[in-house]
Amino acid sequence: MTLLPPAAGPASRSGVRRSGDDYQDLIAWVAALRVIQPEGEVTQLEMEINGAGNVDDVILRRPALGDRFGQVKWATNTALTVDETFMTAQTGRGTSLLQKLYGSFWQLHDPDRPPILELMTNRGLDPAHPLLGHVDGRTDLLVPYAADAPLNSAAGVQLQKWGSTSEATASAWWKCSRILCSVPA
């Protein structure tokens, strides 16, 4: 067996972009398998569509349940985690990932078929975070943990903080968070 030498130096911008595209393509292939699954709930796969806010990378249409909208984030350094800074740091346009997810949720919201927003990344989750450290390993969802958290618990306080960070009322963020965060690692 021939071992590849380790990568030398920092990754180029085009190399990072191409690797991120490859990662997104792999996620789309897995999603395509869900479309052709016999008696499955998914009827259509879309990628990079207009009108889906910041969760336009991979979309699974589920007419009976509500659609799943995915945002793909790939990192060259997998030692970095999805943590508070990753979720709340403001980018060059002055908005954080959390604000983008919140805005996208309300842009796509249909009370009869609420969307599920997914953050799909090769980063691990911060195990010490009061919310992200409690994503359900069976479903990759923050729910039911976040939904059941008392407001005075660390998770409840974090939800309130996320609400203020995303310029949402605490009750509006709470409603969004009940169906929002799916983070496959």
Protein backbone atom coordinates (compact mmCIF):
# COMPACT_ATOMS: atom_id res chain seq x y z
CA MET A 1 0.00 0.00 0.00
CA THR A 2 1.25 3.45 -0.93
CA LEU A 3 0.73 6.21 1.57
CA LEU A 4 0.05 9.71 0.34
CA PRO A 5 2.26 12.44 1.73
CA PRO A 6 0.52 14.97 3.96
CA ALA A 7 -0.66 18.21 2.40
CA ALA A 8 1.98 20.92 2.63
CA GLY A 9 1.18 24.53 3.41
CA PRO A 10 -2.19 26.24 3.55
CA ALA A 11 -4.91 25.21 1.13
CA SER A 12 -5.47 27.50 -1.83
CA ARG A 13 -8.77 29.39 -2.08
CA SER A 14 -9.75 27.48 -5.22
CA GLY A 15 -8.76 24.19 -3.60
CA VAL A 16 -10.94 24.90 -0.58
CA ARG A 17 -13.88 25.88 -2.81
CA ARG A 18 -13.50 22.75 -4.96
CA SER A 19 -13.26 20.50 -1.89
CA GLY A 20 -16.38 22.15 -0.47
CA ASP A 21 -18.18 21.56 -3.77
CA ASP A 22 -17.12 17.90 -3.72
CA TYR A 23 -18.44 17.56 -0.17
CA GLN A 24 -21.75 19.14 -1.18
CA ASP A 25 -21.96 16.77 -4.16
CA LEU A 26 -21.53 13.77 -1.84
CA ILE A 27 -24.36 15.05 0.35
CA ALA A 28 -26.52 15.51 -2.75
CA TRP A 29 -25.84 11.91 -3.85
CA VAL A 30 -26.99 10.63 -0.47
CA ALA A 31 -30.08 12.85 -0.75
CA ALA A 32 -30.76 11.48 -4.25
CA LEU A 33 -30.85 7.98 -2.78
CA ARG A 34 -33.63 9.14 -0.45
CA VAL A 35 -35.66 10.28 -3.47
CA ILE A 36 -35.55 6.84 -5.12
CA GLN A 37 -36.21 4.96 -1.89
CA PRO A 38 -39.39 2.87 -2.31
CA GLU A 39 -42.33 4.36 -0.43
CA GLY A 40 -40.15 7.19 0.81
CA GLU A 41 -41.39 10.56 1.98
CA VAL A 42 -39.03 12.50 -0.33
CA THR A 43 -40.26 13.23 -3.84
CA GLN A 44 -37.68 15.64 -5.22
CA LEU A 45 -34.11 16.85 -4.76
CA GLU A 46 -33.06 20.39 -5.61
CA MET A 47 -29.71 22.12 -5.33
CA GLU A 48 -28.68 25.77 -5.23
CA ILE A 49 -32.17 27.16 -5.76
CA ASN A 50 -33.35 30.76 -5.59
CA GLY A 51 -35.82 31.79 -2.93
CA ALA A 52 -34.59 29.45 -0.18
CA GLY A 53 -32.74 32.01 1.87
CA ASN A 54 -29.38 30.79 3.13
CA VAL A 55 -30.37 27.13 3.13
CA ASP A 56 -30.32 26.60 -0.62
CA ASP A 57 -27.52 24.05 -1.02
CA VAL A 58 -29.51 20.79 -0.83
CA ILE A 59 -33.31 20.70 -0.62
CA LEU A 60 -35.46 17.61 -0.15
CA ARG A 61 -39.12 18.11 -1.05
CA ARG A 62 -41.51 16.24 1.25
CA PRO A 63 -45.10 17.19 0.33
CA ALA A 64 -46.75 15.49 3.29
CA LEU A 65 -44.33 16.65 6.01
CA GLY A 66 -42.55 19.86 5.09
CA ASP A 67 -39.37 20.29 3.13
CA ARG A 68 -35.80 19.90 4.40
CA PHE A 69 -33.47 22.74 3.49
CA GLY A 70 -29.75 22.23 3.90
CA GLN A 71 -26.78 24.54 4.20
CA VAL A 72 -23.46 22.77 3.58
CA LYS A 73 -20.33 24.03 5.33
CA TRP A 74 -17.00 22.28 4.69
CA ALA A 75 -13.81 22.98 6.65
CA THR A 76 -10.25 22.14 5.71
CA ASN A 77 -9.42 21.81 9.41
CA THR A 78 -11.78 19.27 10.96
CA ALA A 79 -10.39 20.04 14.42
CA LEU A 80 -12.57 23.16 14.34
CA THR A 81 -16.01 22.58 15.81
CA VAL A 82 -19.51 23.92 15.39
CA ASP A 83 -19.49 26.09 18.50
CA GLU A 84 -20.83 29.42 19.73
CA THR A 85 -18.34 31.41 17.68
CA PHE A 86 -19.13 29.45 14.50
CA MET A 87 -22.85 30.06 14.99
CA THR A 88 -22.74 33.72 16.05
CA ALA A 89 -19.68 35.33 14.43
CA GLN A 90 -20.72 38.00 11.97
CA THR A 91 -19.37 37.64 8.45
CA GLY A 92 -18.31 40.34 6.01
CA ARG A 93 -21.96 41.17 5.34
CA GLY A 94 -22.60 41.67 9.06
CA THR A 95 -24.78 38.62 9.70
CA SER A 96 -24.03 35.43 11.57
CA LEU A 97 -24.90 31.89 10.51
CA LEU A 98 -27.48 31.83 13.28
CA GLN A 99 -29.09 35.03 11.95
CA LYS A 100 -29.11 33.58 8.43
CA LEU A 101 -30.75 30.36 9.61
CA TYR A 102 -33.35 32.28 11.61
CA GLY A 103 -34.16 34.58 8.67
CA SER A 104 -34.35 31.63 6.30
CA PHE A 105 -36.71 29.77 8.64
CA TRP A 106 -39.21 32.64 8.61
CA GLN A 107 -38.79 33.21 4.87
CA LEU A 108 -39.68 29.54 4.22
CA HIS A 109 -42.16 29.09 7.07
CA ASP A 110 -45.52 27.47 6.28
CA PRO A 111 -47.60 26.74 9.41
CA ASP A 112 -49.09 23.64 7.79
CA ARG A 113 -45.74 22.26 6.65
CA PRO A 114 -42.94 23.80 8.72
CA PRO A 115 -39.51 23.46 7.16
CA ILE A 116 -36.59 21.65 8.71
CA LEU A 117 -33.30 23.47 8.31
CA GLU A 118 -30.13 21.45 8.33
CA LEU A 119 -26.54 22.49 8.79
CA MET A 120 -24.46 19.79 7.12
CA THR A 121 -20.77 19.95 7.92
CA ASN A 122 -17.65 17.89 8.37
CA ARG A 123 -16.99 19.71 11.65
CA GLY A 124 -17.77 18.06 14.95
CA LEU A 125 -20.09 19.61 17.50
CA ASP A 126 -18.78 21.37 20.59
CA PRO A 127 -19.55 18.81 23.31
CA ALA A 128 -19.43 21.47 26.06
CA HIS A 129 -21.98 23.79 24.41
CA PRO A 130 -25.28 23.95 26.34
CA LEU A 131 -27.30 23.19 23.18
CA LEU A 132 -24.97 21.86 20.49
CA GLY A 133 -23.51 19.37 22.95
CA HIS A 134 -26.93 17.74 23.23
CA VAL A 135 -27.87 17.04 19.61
CA ASP A 136 -29.71 13.71 19.49
CA GLY A 137 -27.39 11.15 17.87
CA ARG A 138 -30.34 9.21 16.41
CA THR A 139 -31.90 12.13 14.58
CA ASP A 140 -29.17 14.80 14.53
CA LEU A 141 -31.74 17.22 15.97
CA LEU A 142 -31.62 19.54 18.97
CA VAL A 143 -35.20 18.53 19.61
CA PRO A 144 -36.50 17.28 21.98
CA TYR A 145 -33.65 18.48 24.24
CA ALA A 146 -34.03 22.17 23.38
CA ALA A 147 -37.83 22.02 23.48
CA ASP A 148 -37.82 20.44 26.93
CA ALA A 149 -35.19 22.71 28.47
CA PRO A 150 -36.46 24.93 31.32
CA LEU A 151 -35.85 28.63 30.63
CA ASN A 152 -33.56 28.90 33.68
CA SER A 153 -31.37 25.95 32.58
CA ALA A 154 -28.13 26.43 30.65
CA ALA A 155 -29.91 25.34 27.45
CA GLY A 156 -32.84 27.68 28.11
CA VAL A 157 -30.51 30.60 28.75
CA GLN A 158 -28.63 29.74 25.55
CA LEU A 159 -31.87 29.74 23.54
CA GLN A 160 -32.69 33.17 24.95
CA LYS A 161 -29.18 34.37 24.05
CA TRP A 162 -29.56 33.03 20.51
CA GLY A 163 -32.89 34.84 20.34
CA SER A 164 -31.30 38.16 21.22
CA THR A 165 -28.36 37.50 18.88
CA SER A 166 -30.68 36.86 15.94
CA GLU A 167 -32.84 39.90 16.75
CA ALA A 168 -35.77 37.60 17.47
CA THR A 169 -38.11 37.57 20.37
CA ALA A 170 -37.37 34.69 22.72
CA SER A 171 -40.71 33.05 21.88
CA ALA A 172 -40.13 33.36 18.11
CA TRP A 173 -36.65 31.83 18.38
CA TRP A 174 -38.04 29.10 20.64
CA LYS A 175 -40.60 28.16 17.96
CA CYS A 176 -37.91 28.14 15.28
CA SER A 177 -35.47 26.16 17.42
CA ARG A 178 -37.98 23.37 17.97
CA ILE A 179 -37.56 22.25 14.38
CA LEU A 180 -34.36 23.92 13.31
CA CYS A 181 -31.04 22.43 14.14
CA SER A 182 -29.98 19.27 12.47
CA VAL A 183 -26.22 19.04 12.31
CA PRO A 184 -24.92 15.83 10.74
CA ALA A 185 -21.24 15.57 11.55
